[in-house]
Amino acid sequence: MNLNSLEHQKMLEQISKHCPQAMWTFMHLYNRRDEEGCVYMSRKQIETHLSENYAGFKKNVMALARENLLMWAEIDDGISIMMDRDD
């Protein structure tokens, strides 16, 4: 993420004002996305690698979706997320 970009600064400001509890989740997802802007995380990955329970993670993802920062869907035993790929 280029923090010198006005677009990225506005995005981070939006998160800090409207869903600050989701900032860490957003940054983690942003850094894990693939070349198409997608991330899939299983419940086990969330609970093991992020040391966060699935319900809390999902709550943060839903807050970010309400801010139109990502789209998500529950798939099998995890969450599939799509974010913009505009770097």
PDB file of N, CA and C in Angstrom:
ATOM      1  N   MET A   1       0.854  -1.173   0.000  1.00  0.00           N
ATOM      2  CA  MET A   1       0.000   0.000   0.000  1.00  0.00           C
ATOM      3  C   MET A   1       0.893   1.227   0.000  1.00  0.00           C
ATOM      4  N   ASN A   2       0.669   2.078  -0.942  1.00  0.00           N
ATOM      5  CA  ASN A   2       1.421   3.313  -1.037  1.00  0.00           C
ATOM      6  C   ASN A   2       0.731   4.370  -0.183  1.00  0.00           C
ATOM      7  N   LEU A   3       1.276   4.653   0.987  1.00  0.00           N
ATOM      8  CA  LEU A   3       0.633   5.595   1.891  1.00  0.00           C
ATOM      9  C   LEU A   3       0.736   7.033   1.411  1.00  0.00           C
ATOM     10  N   ASN A   4       1.530   7.277   0.373  1.00  0.00           N
ATOM     11  CA  ASN A   4       1.601   8.611  -0.208  1.00  0.00           C
ATOM     12  C   ASN A   4       0.439   8.860  -1.159  1.00  0.00           C
ATOM     13  N   SER A   5      -0.234   7.798  -1.525  1.00  0.00           N
ATOM     14  CA  SER A   5      -1.376   7.916  -2.421  1.00  0.00           C
ATOM     15  C   SER A   5      -2.562   8.517  -1.672  1.00  0.00           C
ATOM     16  N   LEU A   6      -3.170   9.534  -2.233  1.00  0.00           N
ATOM     17  CA  LEU A   6      -4.322  10.182  -1.623  1.00  0.00           C
ATOM     18  C   LEU A   6      -5.473   9.192  -1.472  1.00  0.00           C
ATOM     19  N   GLU A   7      -5.642   8.328  -2.451  1.00  0.00           N
ATOM     20  CA  GLU A   7      -6.710   7.331  -2.395  1.00  0.00           C
ATOM     21  C   GLU A   7      -6.524   6.395  -1.198  1.00  0.00           C
ATOM     22  N   HIS A   8      -5.308   5.927  -0.977  1.00  0.00           N
ATOM     23  CA  HIS A   8      -5.045   5.031   0.145  1.00  0.00           C
ATOM     24  C   HIS A   8      -5.175   5.764   1.480  1.00  0.00           C
ATOM     25  N   GLN A   9      -4.773   7.017   1.534  1.00  0.00           N
ATOM     26  CA  GLN A   9      -4.921   7.786   2.762  1.00  0.00           C
ATOM     27  C   GLN A   9      -6.400   7.951   3.111  1.00  0.00           C
ATOM     28  N   LYS A  10      -7.228   8.212   2.099  1.00  0.00           N
ATOM     29  CA  LYS A  10      -8.672   8.357   2.331  1.00  0.00           C
ATOM     30  C   LYS A  10      -9.283   7.040   2.788  1.00  0.00           C
ATOM     31  N   MET A  11      -8.813   5.933   2.223  1.00  0.00           N
ATOM     32  CA  MET A  11      -9.302   4.618   2.596  1.00  0.00           C
ATOM     33  C   MET A  11      -8.992   4.339   4.070  1.00  0.00           C
ATOM     34  N   LEU A  12      -7.759   4.599   4.489  1.00  0.00           N
ATOM     35  CA  LEU A  12      -7.363   4.372   5.875  1.00  0.00           C
ATOM     36  C   LEU A  12      -8.104   5.306   6.831  1.00  0.00           C
ATOM     37  N   GLU A  13      -8.328   6.523   6.412  1.00  0.00           N
ATOM     38  CA  GLU A  13      -9.090   7.472   7.226  1.00  0.00           C
ATOM     39  C   GLU A  13     -10.531   6.988   7.389  1.00  0.00           C
ATOM     40  N   GLN A  14     -11.117   6.489   6.324  1.00  0.00           N
ATOM     41  CA  GLN A  14     -12.481   5.957   6.365  1.00  0.00           C
ATOM     42  C   GLN A  14     -12.571   4.805   7.376  1.00  0.00           C
ATOM     43  N   ILE A  15     -11.607   3.910   7.339  1.00  0.00           N
ATOM     44  CA  ILE A  15     -11.605   2.778   8.274  1.00  0.00           C
ATOM     45  C   ILE A  15     -11.440   3.278   9.709  1.00  0.00           C
ATOM     46  N   SER A  16     -10.513   4.204   9.917  1.00  0.00           N
ATOM     47  CA  SER A  16     -10.252   4.675  11.278  1.00  0.00           C
ATOM     48  C   SER A  16     -11.456   5.414  11.870  1.00  0.00           C
ATOM     49  N   LYS A  17     -12.263   6.035  11.034  1.00  0.00           N
ATOM     50  CA  LYS A  17     -13.443   6.761  11.522  1.00  0.00           C
ATOM     51  C   LYS A  17     -14.656   5.850  11.705  1.00  0.00           C
ATOM     52  N   HIS A  18     -14.871   4.930  10.779  1.00  0.00           N
ATOM     53  CA  HIS A  18     -16.117   4.165  10.761  1.00  0.00           C
ATOM     54  C   HIS A  18     -16.023   2.754  11.336  1.00  0.00           C
ATOM     55  N   CYS A  19     -14.861   2.152  11.282  1.00  0.00           N
ATOM     56  CA  CYS A  19     -14.703   0.785  11.826  1.00  0.00           C
ATOM     57  C   CYS A  19     -13.259   0.563  12.264  1.00  0.00           C
ATOM     58  N   PRO A  20     -12.794   1.335  13.246  1.00  0.00           N
ATOM     59  CA  PRO A  20     -11.391   1.241  13.661  1.00  0.00           C
ATOM     60  C   PRO A  20     -10.985  -0.151  14.140  1.00  0.00           C
ATOM     61  N   GLN A  21     -11.927  -0.892  14.691  1.00  0.00           N
ATOM     62  CA  GLN A  21     -11.614  -2.238  15.167  1.00  0.00           C
ATOM     63  C   GLN A  21     -11.213  -3.159  14.020  1.00  0.00           C
ATOM     64  N   ALA A  22     -11.534  -2.776  12.789  1.00  0.00           N
ATOM     65  CA  ALA A  22     -11.245  -3.616  11.624  1.00  0.00           C
ATOM     66  C   ALA A  22      -9.955  -3.215  10.898  1.00  0.00           C
ATOM     67  N   MET A  23      -9.235  -2.241  11.409  1.00  0.00           N
ATOM     68  CA  MET A  23      -8.025  -1.761  10.728  1.00  0.00           C
ATOM     69  C   MET A  23      -6.992  -2.874  10.564  1.00  0.00           C
ATOM     70  N   TRP A  24      -6.697  -3.607  11.647  1.00  0.00           N
ATOM     71  CA  TRP A  24      -5.699  -4.680  11.568  1.00  0.00           C
ATOM     72  C   TRP A  24      -6.140  -5.735  10.560  1.00  0.00           C
ATOM     73  N   THR A  25      -7.421  -6.088  10.573  1.00  0.00           N
ATOM     74  CA  THR A  25      -7.953  -7.083   9.632  1.00  0.00           C
ATOM     75  C   THR A  25      -7.774  -6.592   8.202  1.00  0.00           C
ATOM     76  N   PHE A  26      -8.088  -5.320   7.949  1.00  0.00           N
ATOM     77  CA  PHE A  26      -7.945  -4.765   6.606  1.00  0.00           C
ATOM     78  C   PHE A  26      -6.496  -4.828   6.135  1.00  0.00           C
ATOM     79  N   MET A  27      -5.580  -4.405   6.991  1.00  0.00           N
ATOM     80  CA  MET A  27      -4.169  -4.397   6.600  1.00  0.00           C
ATOM     81  C   MET A  27      -3.665  -5.817   6.332  1.00  0.00           C
ATOM     82  N   HIS A  28      -4.090  -6.754   7.151  1.00  0.00           N
ATOM     83  CA  HIS A  28      -3.681  -8.138   6.946  1.00  0.00           C
ATOM     84  C   HIS A  28      -4.214  -8.663   5.611  1.00  0.00           C
ATOM     85  N   LEU A  29      -5.493  -8.434   5.338  1.00  0.00           N
ATOM     86  CA  LEU A  29      -6.083  -8.896   4.084  1.00  0.00           C
ATOM     87  C   LEU A  29      -5.447  -8.206   2.881  1.00  0.00           C
ATOM     88  N   TYR A  30      -5.211  -6.921   3.004  1.00  0.00           N
ATOM     89  CA  TYR A  30      -4.617  -6.145   1.908  1.00  0.00           C
ATOM     90  C   TYR A  30      -3.252  -6.719   1.521  1.00  0.00           C
ATOM     91  N   ASN A  31      -2.482  -7.104   2.524  1.00  0.00           N
ATOM     92  CA  ASN A  31      -1.147  -7.644   2.266  1.00  0.00           C
ATOM     93  C   ASN A  31      -1.166  -9.096   1.790  1.00  0.00           C
ATOM     94  N   ARG A  32      -2.241  -9.821   2.017  1.00  0.00           N
ATOM     95  CA  ARG A  32      -2.338 -11.233   1.617  1.00  0.00           C
ATOM     96  C   ARG A  32      -3.018 -11.437   0.264  1.00  0.00           C
ATOM     97  N   ARG A  33      -3.627 -10.412  -0.290  1.00  0.00           N
ATOM     98  CA  ARG A  33      -4.397 -10.589  -1.528  1.00  0.00           C
ATOM     99  C   ARG A  33      -3.493 -11.010  -2.678  1.00  0.00           C
ATOM    100  N   ASP A  34      -4.069 -11.765  -3.604  1.00  0.00           N
ATOM    101  CA  ASP A  34      -3.300 -12.234  -4.756  1.00  0.00           C
ATOM    102  C   ASP A  34      -3.330 -11.194  -5.872  1.00  0.00           C
ATOM    103  N   GLU A  35      -2.805 -11.552  -7.028  1.00  0.00           N
ATOM    104  CA  GLU A  35      -2.712 -10.602  -8.143  1.00  0.00           C
ATOM    105  C   GLU A  35      -4.073 -10.136  -8.648  1.00  0.00           C
ATOM    106  N   GLU A  36      -5.125 -10.869  -8.300  1.00  0.00           N
ATOM    107  CA  GLU A  36      -6.476 -10.469  -8.699  1.00  0.00           C
ATOM    108  C   GLU A  36      -7.234  -9.780  -7.576  1.00  0.00           C
ATOM    109  N   GLY A  37      -6.585  -9.598  -6.435  1.00  0.00           N
ATOM    110  CA  GLY A  37      -7.207  -8.918  -5.308  1.00  0.00           C
ATOM    111  C   GLY A  37      -8.036  -9.832  -4.422  1.00  0.00           C
ATOM    112  N   CYS A  38      -7.817 -11.143  -4.510  1.00  0.00           N
ATOM    113  CA  CYS A  38      -8.621 -12.104  -3.756  1.00  0.00           C
ATOM    114  C   CYS A  38      -7.825 -12.730  -2.614  1.00  0.00           C
ATOM    115  N   VAL A  39      -8.559 -13.088  -1.563  1.00  0.00           N
ATOM    116  CA  VAL A  39      -7.984 -13.782  -0.414  1.00  0.00           C
ATOM    117  C   VAL A  39      -8.989 -14.831   0.031  1.00  0.00           C
ATOM    118  N   TYR A  40      -8.509 -16.034   0.316  1.00  0.00           N
ATOM    119  CA  TYR A  40      -9.357 -17.043   0.948  1.00  0.00           C
ATOM    120  C   TYR A  40      -8.667 -17.454   2.234  1.00  0.00           C
ATOM    121  N   MET A  41      -9.425 -17.471   3.323  1.00  0.00           N
ATOM    122  CA  MET A  41      -8.882 -17.909   4.601  1.00  0.00           C
ATOM    123  C   MET A  41      -9.854 -18.888   5.239  1.00  0.00           C
ATOM    124  N   SER A  42      -9.329 -20.043   5.622  1.00  0.00           N
ATOM    125  CA  SER A  42     -10.157 -21.030   6.312  1.00  0.00           C
ATOM    126  C   SER A  42     -10.279 -20.643   7.782  1.00  0.00           C
ATOM    127  N   ARG A  43     -11.249 -21.238   8.457  1.00  0.00           N
ATOM    128  CA  ARG A  43     -11.395 -20.998   9.899  1.00  0.00           C
ATOM    129  C   ARG A  43     -10.093 -21.323  10.627  1.00  0.00           C
ATOM    130  N   LYS A  44      -9.476 -22.428  10.239  1.00  0.00           N
ATOM    131  CA  LYS A  44      -8.245 -22.861  10.902  1.00  0.00           C
ATOM    132  C   LYS A  44      -7.132 -21.828  10.710  1.00  0.00           C
ATOM    133  N   GLN A  45      -6.980 -21.295   9.485  1.00  0.00           N
ATOM    134  CA  GLN A  45      -5.964 -20.259   9.237  1.00  0.00           C
ATOM    135  C   GLN A  45      -6.222 -19.028  10.087  1.00  0.00           C
ATOM    136  N   ILE A  46      -7.470 -18.620  10.150  1.00  0.00           N
ATOM    137  CA  ILE A  46      -7.822 -17.423  10.924  1.00  0.00           C
ATOM    138  C   ILE A  46      -7.480 -17.628  12.388  1.00  0.00           C
ATOM    139  N   GLU A  47      -7.895 -18.760  12.920  1.00  0.00           N
ATOM    140  CA  GLU A  47      -7.686 -19.003  14.340  1.00  0.00           C
ATOM    141  C   GLU A  47      -6.236 -19.335  14.685  1.00  0.00           C
ATOM    142  N   THR A  48      -5.514 -19.977  13.763  1.00  0.00           N
ATOM    143  CA  THR A  48      -4.128 -20.359  14.034  1.00  0.00           C
ATOM    144  C   THR A  48      -3.151 -19.239  13.713  1.00  0.00           C
ATOM    145  N   HIS A  49      -3.202 -18.718  12.501  1.00  0.00           N
ATOM    146  CA  HIS A  49      -2.216 -17.727  12.056  1.00  0.00           C
ATOM    147  C   HIS A  49      -2.517 -16.316  12.544  1.00  0.00           C
ATOM    148  N   LEU A  50      -3.787 -15.996  12.705  1.00  0.00           N
ATOM    149  CA  LEU A  50      -4.130 -14.639  13.128  1.00  0.00           C
ATOM    150  C   LEU A  50      -4.421 -14.551  14.618  1.00  0.00           C
ATOM    151  N   SER A  51      -4.509 -15.699  15.269  1.00  0.00           N
ATOM    152  CA  SER A  51      -4.845 -15.742  16.701  1.00  0.00           C
ATOM    153  C   SER A  51      -6.121 -14.952  16.988  1.00  0.00           C
ATOM    154  N   GLU A  52      -7.098 -15.118  16.130  1.00  0.00           N
ATOM    155  CA  GLU A  52      -8.373 -14.410  16.264  1.00  0.00           C
ATOM    156  C   GLU A  52      -9.484 -15.430  16.049  1.00  0.00           C
ATOM    157  N   ASN A  53     -10.568 -15.291  16.814  1.00  0.00           N
ATOM    158  CA  ASN A  53     -11.647 -16.237  16.583  1.00  0.00           C
ATOM    159  C   ASN A  53     -12.387 -15.880  15.296  1.00  0.00           C
ATOM    160  N   TYR A  54     -13.006 -16.886  14.715  1.00  0.00           N
ATOM    161  CA  TYR A  54     -13.653 -16.734  13.414  1.00  0.00           C
ATOM    162  C   TYR A  54     -14.768 -15.692  13.462  1.00  0.00           C
ATOM    163  N   ALA A  55     -15.561 -15.704  14.525  1.00  0.00           N
ATOM    164  CA  ALA A  55     -16.689 -14.763  14.631  1.00  0.00           C
ATOM    165  C   ALA A  55     -16.196 -13.313  14.654  1.00  0.00           C
ATOM    166  N   GLY A  56     -15.117 -13.043  15.384  1.00  0.00           N
ATOM    167  CA  GLY A  56     -14.573 -11.685  15.437  1.00  0.00           C
ATOM    168  C   GLY A  56     -14.015 -11.240  14.099  1.00  0.00           C
ATOM    169  N   PHE A  57     -13.318 -12.152  13.436  1.00  0.00           N
ATOM    170  CA  PHE A  57     -12.771 -11.857  12.115  1.00  0.00           C
ATOM    171  C   PHE A  57     -13.894 -11.559  11.131  1.00  0.00           C
ATOM    172  N   LYS A  58     -14.924 -12.389  11.140  1.00  0.00           N
ATOM    173  CA  LYS A  58     -16.071 -12.204  10.243  1.00  0.00           C
ATOM    174  C   LYS A  58     -16.769 -10.871  10.523  1.00  0.00           C
ATOM    175  N   LYS A  59     -16.881 -10.503  11.786  1.00  0.00           N
ATOM    176  CA  LYS A  59     -17.496  -9.217  12.150  1.00  0.00           C
ATOM    177  C   LYS A  59     -16.704  -8.058  11.541  1.00  0.00           C
ATOM    178  N   ASN A  60     -15.375  -8.127  11.606  1.00  0.00           N
ATOM    179  CA  ASN A  60     -14.534  -7.083  11.015  1.00  0.00           C
ATOM    180  C   ASN A  60     -14.680  -7.047   9.496  1.00  0.00           C
ATOM    181  N   VAL A  61     -14.727  -8.213   8.864  1.00  0.00           N
ATOM    182  CA  VAL A  61     -14.897  -8.286   7.412  1.00  0.00           C
ATOM    183  C   VAL A  61     -16.239  -7.665   7.015  1.00  0.00           C
ATOM    184  N   MET A  62     -17.279  -7.958   7.789  1.00  0.00           N
ATOM    185  CA  MET A  62     -18.599  -7.384   7.489  1.00  0.00           C
ATOM    186  C   MET A  62     -18.583  -5.867   7.635  1.00  0.00           C
ATOM    187  N   ALA A  63     -17.864  -5.342   8.631  1.00  0.00           N
ATOM    188  CA  ALA A  63     -17.754  -3.890   8.813  1.00  0.00           C
ATOM    189  C   ALA A  63     -17.048  -3.252   7.618  1.00  0.00           C
ATOM    190  N   LEU A  64     -16.001  -3.894   7.131  1.00  0.00           N
ATOM    191  CA  LEU A  64     -15.284  -3.378   5.957  1.00  0.00           C
ATOM    192  C   LEU A  64     -16.154  -3.448   4.708  1.00  0.00           C
ATOM    193  N   ALA A  65     -16.969  -4.475   4.601  1.00  0.00           N
ATOM    194  CA  ALA A  65     -17.884  -4.598   3.455  1.00  0.00           C
ATOM    195  C   ALA A  65     -18.939  -3.491   3.481  1.00  0.00           C
ATOM    196  N   ARG A  66     -19.419  -3.144   4.663  1.00  0.00           N
ATOM    197  CA  ARG A  66     -20.403  -2.050   4.771  1.00  0.00           C
ATOM    198  C   ARG A  66     -19.807  -0.727   4.304  1.00  0.00           C
ATOM    199  N   GLU A  67     -18.494  -0.592   4.406  1.00  0.00           N
ATOM    200  CA  GLU A  67     -17.803   0.618   3.942  1.00  0.00           C
ATOM    201  C   GLU A  67     -17.401   0.510   2.467  1.00  0.00           C
ATOM    202  N   ASN A  68     -17.832  -0.552   1.804  1.00  0.00           N
ATOM    203  CA  ASN A  68     -17.535  -0.803   0.381  1.00  0.00           C
ATOM    204  C   ASN A  68     -16.034  -0.922   0.104  1.00  0.00           C
ATOM    205  N   LEU A  69     -15.304  -1.499   1.056  1.00  0.00           N
ATOM    206  CA  LEU A  69     -13.870  -1.682   0.884  1.00  0.00           C
ATOM    207  C   LEU A  69     -13.520  -3.080   0.396  1.00  0.00           C
ATOM    208  N   LEU A  70     -14.492  -3.979   0.467  1.00  0.00           N
ATOM    209  CA  LEU A  70     -14.293  -5.339  -0.017  1.00  0.00           C
ATOM    210  C   LEU A  70     -15.635  -6.025  -0.200  1.00  0.00           C
ATOM    211  N   MET A  71     -15.595  -7.156  -0.881  1.00  0.00           N
ATOM    212  CA  MET A  71     -16.765  -8.027  -1.002  1.00  0.00           C
ATOM    213  C   MET A  71     -16.343  -9.367  -0.416  1.00  0.00           C
ATOM    214  N   TRP A  72     -17.302 -10.097   0.163  1.00  0.00           N
ATOM    215  CA  TRP A  72     -16.941 -11.350   0.805  1.00  0.00           C
ATOM    216  C   TRP A  72     -18.074 -12.353   0.697  1.00  0.00           C
ATOM    217  N   ALA A  73     -17.718 -13.610   0.908  1.00  0.00           N
ATOM    218  CA  ALA A  73     -18.696 -14.694   0.950  1.00  0.00           C
ATOM    219  C   ALA A  73     -18.122 -15.808   1.811  1.00  0.00           C
ATOM    220  N   GLU A  74     -19.007 -16.462   2.561  1.00  0.00           N
ATOM    221  CA  GLU A  74     -18.587 -17.643   3.309  1.00  0.00           C
ATOM    222  C   GLU A  74     -18.610 -18.821   2.356  1.00  0.00           C
ATOM    223  N   ILE A  75     -17.508 -19.536   2.294  1.00  0.00           N
ATOM    224  CA  ILE A  75     -17.386 -20.696   1.416  1.00  0.00           C
ATOM    225  C   ILE A  75     -16.844 -21.843   2.241  1.00  0.00           C
ATOM    226  N   ASP A  76     -17.571 -22.942   2.259  1.00  0.00           N
ATOM    227  CA  ASP A  76     -17.176 -24.137   3.007  1.00  0.00           C
ATOM    228  C   ASP A  76     -16.805 -23.774   4.438  1.00  0.00           C
ATOM    229  N   ASP A  77     -15.553 -23.895   4.773  1.00  0.00           N
ATOM    230  CA  ASP A  77     -15.126 -23.670   6.156  1.00  0.00           C
ATOM    231  C   ASP A  77     -14.329 -22.378   6.309  1.00  0.00           C
ATOM    232  N   GLY A  78     -14.599 -21.378   5.476  1.00  0.00           N
ATOM    233  CA  GLY A  78     -13.839 -20.141   5.561  1.00  0.00           C
ATOM    234  C   GLY A  78     -14.517 -18.970   4.891  1.00  0.00           C
ATOM    235  N   ILE A  79     -13.727 -17.967   4.587  1.00  0.00           N
ATOM    236  CA  ILE A  79     -14.222 -16.726   3.983  1.00  0.00           C
ATOM    237  C   ILE A  79     -13.397 -16.421   2.743  1.00  0.00           C
ATOM    238  N   SER A  80     -14.092 -16.098   1.662  1.00  0.00           N
ATOM    239  CA  SER A  80     -13.459 -15.655   0.430  1.00  0.00           C
ATOM    240  C   SER A  80     -13.691 -14.154   0.316  1.00  0.00           C
ATOM    241  N   ILE A  81     -12.630 -13.420   0.030  1.00  0.00           N
ATOM    242  CA  ILE A  81     -12.689 -11.958   0.024  1.00  0.00           C
ATOM    243  C   ILE A  81     -12.108 -11.426  -1.272  1.00  0.00           C
ATOM    244  N   MET A  82     -12.741 -10.391  -1.815  1.00  0.00           N
ATOM    245  CA  MET A  82     -12.226  -9.728  -3.002  1.00  0.00           C
ATOM    246  C   MET A  82     -12.060  -8.245  -2.695  1.00  0.00           C
ATOM    247  N   MET A  83     -10.850  -7.751  -2.957  1.00  0.00           N
ATOM    248  CA  MET A  83     -10.512  -6.343  -2.736  1.00  0.00           C
ATOM    249  C   MET A  83     -10.037  -5.742  -4.044  1.00  0.00           C
ATOM    250  N   ASP A  84     -10.029  -4.425  -4.124  1.00  0.00           N
ATOM    251  CA  ASP A  84      -9.470  -3.756  -5.301  1.00  0.00           C
ATOM    252  C   ASP A  84      -8.001  -4.095  -5.439  1.00  0.00           C
ATOM    253  N   ARG A  85      -7.547  -4.100  -6.670  1.00  0.00           N
ATOM    254  CA  ARG A  85      -6.141  -4.389  -6.936  1.00  0.00           C
ATOM    255  C   ARG A  85      -5.424  -3.141  -7.449  1.00  0.00           C
ATOM    256  N   ASP A  86      -5.992  -1.974  -7.223  1.00  0.00           N
ATOM    257  CA  ASP A  86      -5.402  -0.720  -7.705  1.00  0.00           C
ATOM    258  C   ASP A  86      -4.286  -0.273  -6.779  1.00  0.00           C
ATOM    259  N   ASP A  87      -3.057  -0.571  -7.150  1.00  0.00           N
ATOM    260  CA  ASP A  87      -1.910  -0.131  -6.343  1.00  0.00           C
ATOM    261  C   ASP A  87      -1.369   1.134  -6.938  1.00  0.00           C
TER     262      ASP A  87
END
